[in-house]
């Protein structure tokens, strides 16, 4: 089965992370990593209720770090960790993070 996370800022700025040969991240560790990044980056809840869904954390963290963190080779380890955490926390082998429309696809 295919396992991949795609992060996009539009048609010309799409980054794919193949997770086929990568050690899966445990679900609890993935959620903890996303929580830590969300807090460290100063992300704010996007819902008026203040409730923060895992999908919201994925979108907010990706938006907060910006495209450069996914594009530049110096940050490839962080980007792969983001991809692993996203796949594990959402329990989906294929995830598309679209920052133009602020949506996730599975």
PDB file of N, CA and C in Angstrom:
ATOM      1  N   UNK A   1       0.835  -1.177   0.000  1.00  0.00           N
ATOM      2  CA  UNK A   1       0.000   0.000   0.000  1.00  0.00           C
ATOM      3  C   UNK A   1       0.885   1.247   0.000  1.00  0.00           C
ATOM      4  N   UNK A   2       0.484   2.238  -0.742  1.00  0.00           N
ATOM      5  CA  UNK A   2       1.226   3.493  -0.838  1.00  0.00           C
ATOM      6  C   UNK A   2       1.125   4.250   0.478  1.00  0.00           C
ATOM      7  N   UNK A   3       2.216   4.870   0.875  1.00  0.00           N
ATOM      8  CA  UNK A   3       2.234   5.692   2.080  1.00  0.00           C
ATOM      9  C   UNK A   3       3.005   6.963   1.765  1.00  0.00           C
ATOM     10  N   UNK A   4       2.282   8.092   1.774  1.00  0.00           N
ATOM     11  CA  UNK A   4       2.880   9.342   1.329  1.00  0.00           C
ATOM     12  C   UNK A   4       2.147  10.529   1.938  1.00  0.00           C
ATOM     13  N   UNK A   5       2.911  11.583   2.233  1.00  0.00           N
ATOM     14  CA  UNK A   5       2.326  12.850   2.665  1.00  0.00           C
ATOM     15  C   UNK A   5       2.764  13.901   1.649  1.00  0.00           C
ATOM     16  N   UNK A   6       1.798  14.681   1.188  1.00  0.00           N
ATOM     17  CA  UNK A   6       2.054  15.759   0.239  1.00  0.00           C
ATOM     18  C   UNK A   6       1.677  17.077   0.899  1.00  0.00           C
ATOM     19  N   UNK A   7       2.575  18.046   0.819  1.00  0.00           N
ATOM     20  CA  UNK A   7       2.319  19.381   1.352  1.00  0.00           C
ATOM     21  C   UNK A   7       2.414  20.346   0.176  1.00  0.00           C
ATOM     22  N   UNK A   8       1.360  21.156  -0.007  1.00  0.00           N
ATOM     23  CA  UNK A   8       1.354  22.036  -1.173  1.00  0.00           C
ATOM     24  C   UNK A   8       0.950  23.467  -0.833  1.00  0.00           C
ATOM     25  N   UNK A   9       1.634  24.373  -1.495  1.00  0.00           N
ATOM     26  CA  UNK A   9       1.311  25.804  -1.457  1.00  0.00           C
ATOM     27  C   UNK A   9       0.838  26.247  -2.844  1.00  0.00           C
ATOM     28  N   UNK A  10       0.317  25.332  -3.613  1.00  0.00           N
ATOM     29  CA  UNK A  10      -0.111  25.618  -4.982  1.00  0.00           C
ATOM     30  C   UNK A  10       0.541  24.640  -5.932  1.00  0.00           C
ATOM     31  N   UNK A  11       0.149  24.706  -7.187  1.00  0.00           N
ATOM     32  CA  UNK A  11       0.619  23.752  -8.190  1.00  0.00           C
ATOM     33  C   UNK A  11       2.133  23.717  -8.352  1.00  0.00           C
ATOM     34  N   UNK A  12       2.775  24.850  -8.246  1.00  0.00           N
ATOM     35  CA  UNK A  12       4.229  24.885  -8.465  1.00  0.00           C
ATOM     36  C   UNK A  12       5.036  24.624  -7.201  1.00  0.00           C
ATOM     37  N   UNK A  13       4.375  24.550  -6.074  1.00  0.00           N
ATOM     38  CA  UNK A  13       5.076  24.349  -4.799  1.00  0.00           C
ATOM     39  C   UNK A  13       4.492  23.165  -4.052  1.00  0.00           C
ATOM     40  N   UNK A  14       4.797  21.976  -4.537  1.00  0.00           N
ATOM     41  CA  UNK A  14       4.287  20.744  -3.947  1.00  0.00           C
ATOM     42  C   UNK A  14       5.468  19.888  -3.504  1.00  0.00           C
ATOM     43  N   UNK A  15       5.376  19.389  -2.279  1.00  0.00           N
ATOM     44  CA  UNK A  15       6.457  18.587  -1.704  1.00  0.00           C
ATOM     45  C   UNK A  15       5.879  17.249  -1.272  1.00  0.00           C
ATOM     46  N   UNK A  16       6.463  16.163  -1.801  1.00  0.00           N
ATOM     47  CA  UNK A  16       5.982  14.808  -1.506  1.00  0.00           C
ATOM     48  C   UNK A  16       7.007  14.082  -0.650  1.00  0.00           C
ATOM     49  N   UNK A  17       6.488  13.410   0.368  1.00  0.00           N
ATOM     50  CA  UNK A  17       7.333  12.643   1.278  1.00  0.00           C
ATOM     51  C   UNK A  17       6.873  11.199   1.242  1.00  0.00           C
ATOM     52  N   UNK A  18       7.728  10.340   0.672  1.00  0.00           N
ATOM     53  CA  UNK A  18       7.434   8.922   0.549  1.00  0.00           C
ATOM     54  C   UNK A  18       7.762   8.254   1.877  1.00  0.00           C
ATOM     55  N   UNK A  19       6.782   7.586   2.464  1.00  0.00           N
ATOM     56  CA  UNK A  19       6.960   6.952   3.768  1.00  0.00           C
ATOM     57  C   UNK A  19       7.043   5.430   3.676  1.00  0.00           C
ATOM     58  N   UNK A  20       7.166   4.901   2.461  1.00  0.00           N
ATOM     59  CA  UNK A  20       7.204   3.451   2.259  1.00  0.00           C
ATOM     60  C   UNK A  20       8.341   2.781   3.025  1.00  0.00           C
ATOM     61  N   UNK A  21       9.517   3.341   2.952  1.00  0.00           N
ATOM     62  CA  UNK A  21      10.703   2.721   3.548  1.00  0.00           C
ATOM     63  C   UNK A  21      11.096   3.352   4.888  1.00  0.00           C
ATOM     64  N   UNK A  22      10.207   4.177   5.448  1.00  0.00           N
ATOM     65  CA  UNK A  22      10.509   4.905   6.670  1.00  0.00           C
ATOM     66  C   UNK A  22       9.802   4.233   7.843  1.00  0.00           C
ATOM     67  N   UNK A  23      10.490   4.174   8.971  1.00  0.00           N
ATOM     68  CA  UNK A  23       9.917   3.590  10.183  1.00  0.00           C
ATOM     69  C   UNK A  23       8.678   4.384  10.603  1.00  0.00           C
ATOM     70  N   UNK A  24       7.524   3.729  10.770  1.00  0.00           N
ATOM     71  CA  UNK A  24       6.331   4.457  11.201  1.00  0.00           C
ATOM     72  C   UNK A  24       6.513   5.051  12.599  1.00  0.00           C
ATOM     73  N   UNK A  25       5.904   6.189  12.832  1.00  0.00           N
ATOM     74  CA  UNK A  25       5.965   6.841  14.134  1.00  0.00           C
ATOM     75  C   UNK A  25       4.766   6.345  14.962  1.00  0.00           C
ATOM     76  N   UNK A  26       4.987   5.976  16.228  1.00  0.00           N
ATOM     77  CA  UNK A  26       3.852   5.571  17.065  1.00  0.00           C
ATOM     78  C   UNK A  26       2.840   6.725  17.192  1.00  0.00           C
ATOM     79  N   UNK A  27       1.567   6.377  17.251  1.00  0.00           N
ATOM     80  CA  UNK A  27       0.483   7.360  17.284  1.00  0.00           C
ATOM     81  C   UNK A  27       0.657   8.380  18.422  1.00  0.00           C
ATOM     82  N   UNK A  28       0.930   7.919  19.625  1.00  0.00           N
ATOM     83  CA  UNK A  28       1.084   8.828  20.773  1.00  0.00           C
ATOM     84  C   UNK A  28       2.265   9.771  20.596  1.00  0.00           C
ATOM     85  N   UNK A  29       3.351   9.255  20.069  1.00  0.00           N
ATOM     86  CA  UNK A  29       4.528  10.087  19.816  1.00  0.00           C
ATOM     87  C   UNK A  29       4.227  11.128  18.743  1.00  0.00           C
ATOM     88  N   UNK A  30       3.473  10.752  17.728  1.00  0.00           N
ATOM     89  CA  UNK A  30       3.111  11.677  16.649  1.00  0.00           C
ATOM     90  C   UNK A  30       2.255  12.815  17.184  1.00  0.00           C
ATOM     91  N   UNK A  31       1.259  12.491  17.978  1.00  0.00           N
ATOM     92  CA  UNK A  31       0.397  13.525  18.555  1.00  0.00           C
ATOM     93  C   UNK A  31       1.197  14.449  19.465  1.00  0.00           C
ATOM     94  N   UNK A  32       2.095  13.882  20.239  1.00  0.00           N
ATOM     95  CA  UNK A  32       2.934  14.675  21.142  1.00  0.00           C
ATOM     96  C   UNK A  32       3.842  15.610  20.353  1.00  0.00           C
ATOM     97  N   UNK A  33       4.430  15.116  19.268  1.00  0.00           N
ATOM     98  CA  UNK A  33       5.316  15.943  18.445  1.00  0.00           C
ATOM     99  C   UNK A  33       4.532  17.109  17.839  1.00  0.00           C
ATOM    100  N   UNK A  34       3.346  16.843  17.304  1.00  0.00           N
ATOM    101  CA  UNK A  34       2.530  17.911  16.728  1.00  0.00           C
ATOM    102  C   UNK A  34       2.110  18.922  17.798  1.00  0.00           C
ATOM    103  N   UNK A  35       1.760  18.438  18.995  1.00  0.00           N
ATOM    104  CA  UNK A  35       1.403  19.335  20.105  1.00  0.00           C
ATOM    105  C   UNK A  35       2.569  20.255  20.445  1.00  0.00           C
ATOM    106  N   UNK A  36       3.757  19.673  20.525  1.00  0.00           N
ATOM    107  CA  UNK A  36       4.958  20.441  20.859  1.00  0.00           C
ATOM    108  C   UNK A  36       5.248  21.503  19.797  1.00  0.00           C
ATOM    109  N   UNK A  37       5.158  21.121  18.540  1.00  0.00           N
ATOM    110  CA  UNK A  37       5.403  22.068  17.446  1.00  0.00           C
ATOM    111  C   UNK A  37       4.358  23.186  17.449  1.00  0.00           C
ATOM    112  N   UNK A  38       3.098  22.825  17.670  1.00  0.00           N
ATOM    113  CA  UNK A  38       2.004  23.794  17.702  1.00  0.00           C
ATOM    114  C   UNK A  38       2.274  24.857  18.769  1.00  0.00           C
ATOM    115  N   UNK A  39       2.703  24.409  19.941  1.00  0.00           N
ATOM    116  CA  UNK A  39       2.986  25.323  21.052  1.00  0.00           C
ATOM    117  C   UNK A  39       4.250  26.135  20.800  1.00  0.00           C
ATOM    118  N   UNK A  40       5.324  25.482  20.396  1.00  0.00           N
ATOM    119  CA  UNK A  40       6.606  26.141  20.156  1.00  0.00           C
ATOM    120  C   UNK A  40       6.489  27.228  19.089  1.00  0.00           C
ATOM    121  N   UNK A  41       5.713  26.968  18.067  1.00  0.00           N
ATOM    122  CA  UNK A  41       5.565  27.911  16.955  1.00  0.00           C
ATOM    123  C   UNK A  41       4.539  29.013  17.241  1.00  0.00           C
ATOM    124  N   UNK A  42       3.909  28.941  18.403  1.00  0.00           N
ATOM    125  CA  UNK A  42       2.944  29.973  18.782  1.00  0.00           C
ATOM    126  C   UNK A  42       1.668  29.947  17.963  1.00  0.00           C
ATOM    127  N   UNK A  43       1.277  28.765  17.523  1.00  0.00           N
ATOM    128  CA  UNK A  43       0.061  28.634  16.723  1.00  0.00           C
ATOM    129  C   UNK A  43      -1.168  28.904  17.585  1.00  0.00           C
ATOM    130  N   UNK A  44      -2.185  29.427  16.956  1.00  0.00           N
ATOM    131  CA  UNK A  44      -3.444  29.757  17.625  1.00  0.00           C
ATOM    132  C   UNK A  44      -4.556  28.847  17.104  1.00  0.00           C
ATOM    133  N   UNK A  45      -5.522  28.505  17.961  1.00  0.00           N
ATOM    134  CA  UNK A  45      -6.672  27.717  17.487  1.00  0.00           C
ATOM    135  C   UNK A  45      -7.390  28.463  16.363  1.00  0.00           C
ATOM    136  N   UNK A  46      -7.825  27.723  15.344  1.00  0.00           N
ATOM    137  CA  UNK A  46      -8.496  28.360  14.219  1.00  0.00           C
ATOM    138  C   UNK A  46     -10.019  28.304  14.349  1.00  0.00           C
ATOM    139  N   UNK A  47     -10.493  27.577  15.327  1.00  0.00           N
ATOM    140  CA  UNK A  47     -11.939  27.474  15.554  1.00  0.00           C
ATOM    141  C   UNK A  47     -12.354  28.443  16.660  1.00  0.00           C
ATOM    142  N   UNK A  48     -13.498  29.044  16.511  1.00  0.00           N
ATOM    143  CA  UNK A  48     -13.994  30.000  17.496  1.00  0.00           C
ATOM    144  C   UNK A  48     -14.201  29.370  18.872  1.00  0.00           C
ATOM    145  N   UNK A  49     -14.460  28.075  18.904  1.00  0.00           N
ATOM    146  CA  UNK A  49     -14.679  27.384  20.175  1.00  0.00           C
ATOM    147  C   UNK A  49     -13.385  27.191  20.949  1.00  0.00           C
ATOM    148  N   UNK A  50     -12.268  27.354  20.278  1.00  0.00           N
ATOM    149  CA  UNK A  50     -10.973  27.146  20.922  1.00  0.00           C
ATOM    150  C   UNK A  50     -10.514  25.704  20.861  1.00  0.00           C
ATOM    151  N   UNK A  51     -11.368  24.812  20.385  1.00  0.00           N
ATOM    152  CA  UNK A  51     -11.011  23.408  20.257  1.00  0.00           C
ATOM    153  C   UNK A  51     -10.007  23.246  19.120  1.00  0.00           C
ATOM    154  N   UNK A  52      -8.977  22.452  19.356  1.00  0.00           N
ATOM    155  CA  UNK A  52      -7.948  22.250  18.344  1.00  0.00           C
ATOM    156  C   UNK A  52      -7.938  20.777  17.938  1.00  0.00           C
ATOM    157  N   UNK A  53      -8.359  20.509  16.723  1.00  0.00           N
ATOM    158  CA  UNK A  53      -8.345  19.155  16.180  1.00  0.00           C
ATOM    159  C   UNK A  53      -6.948  18.821  15.673  1.00  0.00           C
ATOM    160  N   UNK A  54      -6.648  17.550  15.584  1.00  0.00           N
ATOM    161  CA  UNK A  54      -5.344  17.127  15.063  1.00  0.00           C
ATOM    162  C   UNK A  54      -5.136  17.672  13.655  1.00  0.00           C
ATOM    163  N   UNK A  55      -6.162  17.643  12.836  1.00  0.00           N
ATOM    164  CA  UNK A  55      -6.051  18.182  11.473  1.00  0.00           C
ATOM    165  C   UNK A  55      -5.704  19.667  11.505  1.00  0.00           C
ATOM    166  N   UNK A  56      -6.275  20.399  12.455  1.00  0.00           N
ATOM    167  CA  UNK A  56      -5.960  21.825  12.593  1.00  0.00           C
ATOM    168  C   UNK A  56      -4.490  22.020  12.957  1.00  0.00           C
ATOM    169  N   UNK A  57      -3.979  21.166  13.824  1.00  0.00           N
ATOM    170  CA  UNK A  57      -2.569  21.263  14.215  1.00  0.00           C
ATOM    171  C   UNK A  57      -1.657  21.050  13.013  1.00  0.00           C
ATOM    172  N   UNK A  58      -1.989  20.064  12.200  1.00  0.00           N
ATOM    173  CA  UNK A  58      -1.190  19.786  10.997  1.00  0.00           C
ATOM    174  C   UNK A  58      -1.151  21.022  10.109  1.00  0.00           C
ATOM    175  N   UNK A  59      -2.304  21.586   9.831  1.00  0.00           N
ATOM    176  CA  UNK A  59      -2.375  22.772   8.970  1.00  0.00           C
ATOM    177  C   UNK A  59      -1.644  23.965   9.579  1.00  0.00           C
ATOM    178  N   UNK A  60      -1.854  24.208  10.862  1.00  0.00           N
ATOM    179  CA  UNK A  60      -1.238  25.366  11.524  1.00  0.00           C
ATOM    180  C   UNK A  60       0.282  25.248  11.590  1.00  0.00           C
ATOM    181  N   UNK A  61       0.777  24.062  11.902  1.00  0.00           N
ATOM    182  CA  UNK A  61       2.226  23.864  11.992  1.00  0.00           C
ATOM    183  C   UNK A  61       2.866  24.064  10.625  1.00  0.00           C
ATOM    184  N   UNK A  62       2.297  23.462   9.594  1.00  0.00           N
ATOM    185  CA  UNK A  62       2.851  23.622   8.241  1.00  0.00           C
ATOM    186  C   UNK A  62       2.841  25.086   7.813  1.00  0.00           C
ATOM    187  N   UNK A  63       1.742  25.779   8.088  1.00  0.00           N
ATOM    188  CA  UNK A  63       1.639  27.194   7.719  1.00  0.00           C
ATOM    189  C   UNK A  63       2.651  28.033   8.498  1.00  0.00           C
ATOM    190  N   UNK A  64       2.806  27.730   9.793  1.00  0.00           N
ATOM    191  CA  UNK A  64       3.695  28.519  10.653  1.00  0.00           C
ATOM    192  C   UNK A  64       5.163  28.409  10.240  1.00  0.00           C
ATOM    193  N   UNK A  65       5.598  27.220   9.841  1.00  0.00           N
ATOM    194  CA  UNK A  65       7.008  27.070   9.473  1.00  0.00           C
ATOM    195  C   UNK A  65       7.289  27.573   8.073  1.00  0.00           C
ATOM    196  N   UNK A  66       6.275  27.584   7.228  1.00  0.00           N
ATOM    197  CA  UNK A  66       6.439  28.103   5.875  1.00  0.00           C
ATOM    198  C   UNK A  66       7.016  27.101   4.898  1.00  0.00           C
ATOM    199  N   UNK A  67       6.909  27.467   3.659  1.00  0.00           N
ATOM    200  CA  UNK A  67       7.337  26.596   2.563  1.00  0.00           C
ATOM    201  C   UNK A  67       8.835  26.278   2.623  1.00  0.00           C
ATOM    202  N   UNK A  68       9.640  27.223   3.061  1.00  0.00           N
ATOM    203  CA  UNK A  68      11.090  27.029   3.085  1.00  0.00           C
ATOM    204  C   UNK A  68      11.493  25.795   3.885  1.00  0.00           C
ATOM    205  N   UNK A  69      10.766  25.510   4.971  1.00  0.00           N
ATOM    206  CA  UNK A  69      11.098  24.365   5.822  1.00  0.00           C
ATOM    207  C   UNK A  69      10.896  23.054   5.073  1.00  0.00           C
ATOM    208  N   UNK A  70      10.038  23.041   4.088  1.00  0.00           N
ATOM    209  CA  UNK A  70       9.799  21.835   3.291  1.00  0.00           C
ATOM    210  C   UNK A  70      10.687  21.798   2.058  1.00  0.00           C
ATOM    211  N   UNK A  71      11.095  22.954   1.564  1.00  0.00           N
ATOM    212  CA  UNK A  71      11.862  23.054   0.328  1.00  0.00           C
ATOM    213  C   UNK A  71      13.353  22.845   0.548  1.00  0.00           C
ATOM    214  N   UNK A  72      13.909  23.429   1.588  1.00  0.00           N
ATOM    215  CA  UNK A  72      15.359  23.449   1.781  1.00  0.00           C
ATOM    216  C   UNK A  72      15.895  22.134   2.357  1.00  0.00           C
ATOM    217  N   UNK A  73      16.974  21.666   1.762  1.00  0.00           N
ATOM    218  CA  UNK A  73      17.598  20.402   2.183  1.00  0.00           C
ATOM    219  C   UNK A  73      18.052  20.441   3.638  1.00  0.00           C
ATOM    220  N   UNK A  74      18.425  21.608   4.127  1.00  0.00           N
ATOM    221  CA  UNK A  74      18.888  21.736   5.516  1.00  0.00           C
ATOM    222  C   UNK A  74      17.800  21.353   6.516  1.00  0.00           C
ATOM    223  N   UNK A  75      16.547  21.389   6.086  1.00  0.00           N
ATOM    224  CA  UNK A  75      15.429  21.072   6.975  1.00  0.00           C
ATOM    225  C   UNK A  75      14.757  19.749   6.618  1.00  0.00           C
ATOM    226  N   UNK A  76      15.408  18.935   5.822  1.00  0.00           N
ATOM    227  CA  UNK A  76      14.778  17.703   5.343  1.00  0.00           C
ATOM    228  C   UNK A  76      14.411  16.750   6.478  1.00  0.00           C
ATOM    229  N   UNK A  77      15.207  16.708   7.535  1.00  0.00           N
ATOM    230  CA  UNK A  77      14.892  15.823   8.665  1.00  0.00           C
ATOM    231  C   UNK A  77      13.607  16.289   9.356  1.00  0.00           C
ATOM    232  N   UNK A  78      13.477  17.611   9.556  1.00  0.00           N
ATOM    233  CA  UNK A  78      12.261  18.137  10.183  1.00  0.00           C
ATOM    234  C   UNK A  78      11.047  17.843   9.291  1.00  0.00           C
ATOM    235  N   UNK A  79      11.178  18.071   7.993  1.00  0.00           N
ATOM    236  CA  UNK A  79      10.069  17.854   7.068  1.00  0.00           C
ATOM    237  C   UNK A  79       9.633  16.386   7.055  1.00  0.00           C
ATOM    238  N   UNK A  80      10.593  15.471   7.092  1.00  0.00           N
ATOM    239  CA  UNK A  80      10.246  14.049   7.119  1.00  0.00           C
ATOM    240  C   UNK A  80       9.568  13.693   8.443  1.00  0.00           C
ATOM    241  N   UNK A  81      10.020  14.274   9.536  1.00  0.00           N
ATOM    242  CA  UNK A  81       9.378  14.036  10.832  1.00  0.00           C
ATOM    243  C   UNK A  81       7.946  14.556  10.810  1.00  0.00           C
ATOM    244  N   UNK A  82       7.739  15.727  10.213  1.00  0.00           N
ATOM    245  CA  UNK A  82       6.390  16.270  10.052  1.00  0.00           C
ATOM    246  C   UNK A  82       5.515  15.286   9.271  1.00  0.00           C
ATOM    247  N   UNK A  83       6.032  14.764   8.183  1.00  0.00           N
ATOM    248  CA  UNK A  83       5.273  13.825   7.357  1.00  0.00           C
ATOM    249  C   UNK A  83       4.937  12.553   8.142  1.00  0.00           C
ATOM    250  N   UNK A  84       5.906  12.012   8.848  1.00  0.00           N
ATOM    251  CA  UNK A  84       5.674  10.809   9.651  1.00  0.00           C
ATOM    252  C   UNK A  84       4.640  11.067  10.744  1.00  0.00           C
ATOM    253  N   UNK A  85       4.768  12.208  11.424  1.00  0.00           N
ATOM    254  CA  UNK A  85       3.835  12.555  12.503  1.00  0.00           C
ATOM    255  C   UNK A  85       2.429  12.776  11.955  1.00  0.00           C
ATOM    256  N   UNK A  86       2.331  13.421  10.814  1.00  0.00           N
ATOM    257  CA  UNK A  86       1.029  13.681  10.199  1.00  0.00           C
ATOM    258  C   UNK A  86       0.325  12.379   9.851  1.00  0.00           C
ATOM    259  N   UNK A  87       1.032  11.491   9.190  1.00  0.00           N
ATOM    260  CA  UNK A  87       0.455  10.206   8.797  1.00  0.00           C
ATOM    261  C   UNK A  87       0.029   9.391  10.015  1.00  0.00           C
ATOM    262  N   UNK A  88       0.876   9.348  11.036  1.00  0.00           N
ATOM    263  CA  UNK A  88       0.578   8.551  12.227  1.00  0.00           C
ATOM    264  C   UNK A  88      -0.535   9.166  13.075  1.00  0.00           C
ATOM    265  N   UNK A  89      -0.495  10.475  13.289  1.00  0.00           N
ATOM    266  CA  UNK A  89      -1.497  11.127  14.135  1.00  0.00           C
ATOM    267  C   UNK A  89      -2.891  11.058  13.519  1.00  0.00           C
ATOM    268  N   UNK A  90      -2.957  11.131  12.191  1.00  0.00           N
ATOM    269  CA  UNK A  90      -4.243  11.064  11.502  1.00  0.00           C
ATOM    270  C   UNK A  90      -4.641   9.628  11.166  1.00  0.00           C
ATOM    271  N   UNK A  91      -3.710   8.694  11.378  1.00  0.00           N
ATOM    272  CA  UNK A  91      -3.933   7.269  11.092  1.00  0.00           C
ATOM    273  C   UNK A  91      -4.345   7.047   9.638  1.00  0.00           C
ATOM    274  N   UNK A  92      -3.667   7.754   8.734  1.00  0.00           N
ATOM    275  CA  UNK A  92      -3.934   7.647   7.297  1.00  0.00           C
ATOM    276  C   UNK A  92      -2.614   7.449   6.566  1.00  0.00           C
ATOM    277  N   UNK A  93      -2.530   6.476   5.661  1.00  0.00           N
ATOM    278  CA  UNK A  93      -1.282   6.262   4.931  1.00  0.00           C
ATOM    279  C   UNK A  93      -1.001   7.333   3.873  1.00  0.00           C
ATOM    280  N   UNK A  94      -2.050   7.936   3.329  1.00  0.00           N
ATOM    281  CA  UNK A  94      -1.880   8.957   2.301  1.00  0.00           C
ATOM    282  C   UNK A  94      -2.610  10.220   2.757  1.00  0.00           C
ATOM    283  N   UNK A  95      -1.845  11.303   2.885  1.00  0.00           N
ATOM    284  CA  UNK A  95      -2.421  12.572   3.338  1.00  0.00           C
ATOM    285  C   UNK A  95      -1.939  13.683   2.416  1.00  0.00           C
ATOM    286  N   UNK A  96      -2.867  14.560   2.067  1.00  0.00           N
ATOM    287  CA  UNK A  96      -2.529  15.742   1.285  1.00  0.00           C
ATOM    288  C   UNK A  96      -2.848  16.965   2.136  1.00  0.00           C
ATOM    289  N   UNK A  97      -1.831  17.797   2.377  1.00  0.00           N
ATOM    290  CA  UNK A  97      -1.973  19.014   3.165  1.00  0.00           C
ATOM    291  C   UNK A  97      -1.951  20.174   2.173  1.00  0.00           C
ATOM    292  N   UNK A  98      -3.104  20.791   1.968  1.00  0.00           N
ATOM    293  CA  UNK A  98      -3.226  21.877   1.007  1.00  0.00           C
ATOM    294  C   UNK A  98      -3.339  23.199   1.765  1.00  0.00           C
ATOM    295  N   UNK A  99      -2.279  23.987   1.733  1.00  0.00           N
ATOM    296  CA  UNK A  99      -2.247  25.225   2.486  1.00  0.00           C
ATOM    297  C   UNK A  99      -2.907  26.382   1.749  1.00  0.00           C
ATOM    298  N   UNK A 100      -3.195  26.219   0.470  1.00  0.00           N
ATOM    299  CA  UNK A 100      -3.922  27.236  -0.280  1.00  0.00           C
ATOM    300  C   UNK A 100      -5.390  27.237   0.166  1.00  0.00           C
ATOM    301  N   UNK A 101      -5.973  26.043   0.250  1.00  0.00           N
ATOM    302  CA  UNK A 101      -7.377  25.926   0.635  1.00  0.00           C
ATOM    303  C   UNK A 101      -7.561  25.626   2.115  1.00  0.00           C
ATOM    304  N   UNK A 102      -6.442  25.499   2.847  1.00  0.00           N
ATOM    305  CA  UNK A 102      -6.485  25.156   4.279  1.00  0.00           C
ATOM    306  C   UNK A 102      -7.303  23.885   4.506  1.00  0.00           C
ATOM    307  N   UNK A 103      -6.946  22.836   3.770  1.00  0.00           N
ATOM    308  CA  UNK A 103      -7.686  21.583   3.881  1.00  0.00           C
ATOM    309  C   UNK A 103      -6.744  20.384   3.831  1.00  0.00           C
ATOM    310  N   UNK A 104      -7.252  19.267   4.341  1.00  0.00           N
ATOM    311  CA  UNK A 104      -6.540  17.997   4.285  1.00  0.00           C
ATOM    312  C   UNK A 104      -7.336  17.029   3.438  1.00  0.00           C
ATOM    313  N   UNK A 105      -6.629  16.185   2.694  1.00  0.00           N
ATOM    314  CA  UNK A 105      -7.266  15.132   1.919  1.00  0.00           C
ATOM    315  C   UNK A 105      -6.660  13.811   2.327  1.00  0.00           C
ATOM    316  N   UNK A 106      -7.456  12.762   2.273  1.00  0.00           N
ATOM    317  CA  UNK A 106      -6.975  11.425   2.655  1.00  0.00           C
ATOM    318  C   UNK A 106      -7.137  10.457   1.514  1.00  0.00           C
TER     319      UNK A 106
END
